[in-house]
């Protein structure tokens, strides 16, 4: 029983797992922001190409 309690206390005091979780959350947040930014830029570029194509040929491309 003492061995189990000492194991639980050592796991409670260990902060390596907490740091790893913080880095994982940070990476997830950065990924979401990057995907949103790339999607917004892609939509804007597509609209610009459509506008340029329409003005050059007079019809929708």
Protein backbone atom coordinates (compact mmCIF):
# COMPACT_ATOMS: atom_id res chain seq x y z
CA UNK A 1 0.00 0.00 0.00
CA UNK A 2 2.87 2.37 0.79
CA UNK A 3 4.40 1.66 -2.59
CA UNK A 4 1.18 2.62 -4.32
CA UNK A 5 0.89 5.83 -2.31
CA UNK A 6 4.49 6.79 -3.01
CA UNK A 7 3.94 6.11 -6.72
CA UNK A 8 0.82 8.29 -6.77
CA UNK A 9 2.63 11.10 -4.94
CA UNK A 10 5.54 11.00 -7.37
CA UNK A 11 3.14 11.11 -10.33
CA UNK A 12 1.27 14.03 -8.78
CA UNK A 13 4.48 16.02 -8.38
CA UNK A 14 5.75 15.23 -11.89
CA UNK A 15 5.11 18.21 -14.20
CA UNK A 16 6.52 16.81 -17.46
CA UNK A 17 3.10 15.63 -18.60
CA UNK A 18 1.56 19.02 -17.88
CA UNK A 19 4.17 20.76 -20.01
CA UNK A 20 3.55 18.35 -22.86
CA UNK A 21 -0.19 19.01 -22.68
CA UNK A 22 0.41 22.77 -22.74
CA UNK A 23 2.59 22.45 -25.82
CA UNK A 24 -0.02 20.25 -27.50
CA UNK A 25 -2.76 22.80 -26.81
CA UNK A 26 -0.56 25.61 -28.11
CA UNK A 27 0.22 23.65 -31.26
CA UNK A 28 -3.47 22.96 -31.80
CA UNK A 29 -4.35 26.64 -31.42
CA UNK A 30 -1.62 27.70 -33.84
CA UNK A 31 -2.82 25.10 -36.34
CA UNK A 32 -6.41 26.34 -36.17
CA UNK A 33 -5.33 29.95 -36.68
CA UNK A 34 -3.06 28.99 -39.59
CA UNK A 35 -5.81 26.99 -41.31
CA UNK A 36 -8.28 29.86 -40.89
CA UNK A 37 -5.78 32.38 -42.30
CA UNK A 38 -4.86 30.19 -45.27
CA UNK A 39 -8.54 29.59 -46.05
CA UNK A 40 -9.30 33.32 -45.93
CA UNK A 41 -6.35 34.12 -48.18
CA UNK A 42 -7.39 31.38 -50.60
CA UNK A 43 -10.92 32.78 -50.88
CA UNK A 44 -9.58 36.30 -51.46
CA UNK A 45 -7.17 35.13 -54.16
CA UNK A 46 -9.91 33.12 -55.86
CA UNK A 47 -12.18 36.16 -55.91
CA UNK A 48 -9.41 38.29 -57.41
CA UNK A 49 -8.73 35.76 -60.17
CA UNK A 50 -12.45 35.49 -60.94
CA UNK A 51 -12.76 39.26 -61.15
CA UNK A 52 -9.71 39.51 -63.43
CA UNK A 53 -10.95 36.70 -65.66
CA UNK A 54 -14.41 38.21 -65.95
CA UNK A 55 -13.05 41.66 -66.81
CA UNK A 56 -10.70 40.26 -69.45
CA UNK A 57 -13.08 37.93 -71.27
CA UNK A 58 -16.43 39.47 -70.40
CA UNK A 59 -17.87 36.12 -69.29
CA UNK A 60 -17.57 34.05 -66.17
CA UNK A 61 -14.60 31.70 -66.16
